[in-house]
């Protein structure tokens, strides 16, 4: 059924389809009967799938990556689709519109997406207010970033503000310094500025008392020397782990016509072409750190086999995003069933 629906949806602008589809899901959730049907169809429970990490028990290892529900609008609805956790954001301290449209592009021949959204969101306060309202019980991560107009030398202030604002309403944090769509952001992946940011957040973490897990989201385009720096930085700052990986700026080996790629222009590539690259990063981090770094895998996960590959490489949890677009609402359920088998 979904392949037919996807064919129709793919005729429309990707960003418009996103909000249209979520509005339909929102309407379905409000209907008690439809809500129950969704849960029965998409929520797969099996004790074997549970993972306990950082003192948090995840009902299953399949989460929804940041970027899909930037403003914590659809936590209730997404909980009915069987995800073990949902990561909101990227959230910035102040609301910002993001980059000019169009800024989201499908590459069906590659089962991929290129985006240059630019951290469009309503700001940390709006997300926190939504999450403070009663909602379905599901683990929520807060992915935080800096505002576009904030110079890198002041970036630490933005991460601090977003961290404090979301502290009481999320279960863990992800520091995003690896998006290619905010000018200069990836420069913060350098060891010195990143150490300052993470150390500051750890101090706040201690001061605020609850000690929320802090993870770092890294790019798939880092050199081995940079990955070695990441391993050392995780140990030095004592953050709880890494999300590997964000989107890539590379365009190697794509089936989509080169002219189409050129017309699309800049942005981060996600989906199937990222799968092997992401797995290589995960395997390197896991082996080089002797398994001491906890990893959430992201990048090209469409099936249970994709997820298992990431877990075998050293990840403990996985996240989907582009796979959700191509595989449809049953993706979490299908992966969980496959992992159980």
Foldseek 3Di string as FASTA:
>chain_A
DVVVVLVVLQVDQPVVSLVVVLVVLVVLCVDPVSLVVLLVQAADADCVQWDAAPNDIQRHQEEADEPSAAQQPQPQSLVSLHHSEYEHFQAWAAADQFDDPPFWADDVQQLKIFGLRGRHDHHLQRSQVNLVDDHDDHAYEHEYFYHLPDDLVCRLVGLVNSCVSNVVRHQAYEYEQAFPNRPPSVVCLPLVNVLVSLLVVQVVLVVVPPNHAYEYEHALPDDLVSLVSVLVSCVVSVHQAYEFYDFDQDDPPDPPDPVVVVVSPGGGMAAQVFLVSRLVSLLSNCVVNVLRHEYEYEGHDQALVSVVSSVVSRHDHYHYYSSCSVVHSNRNVRNRVVVVD
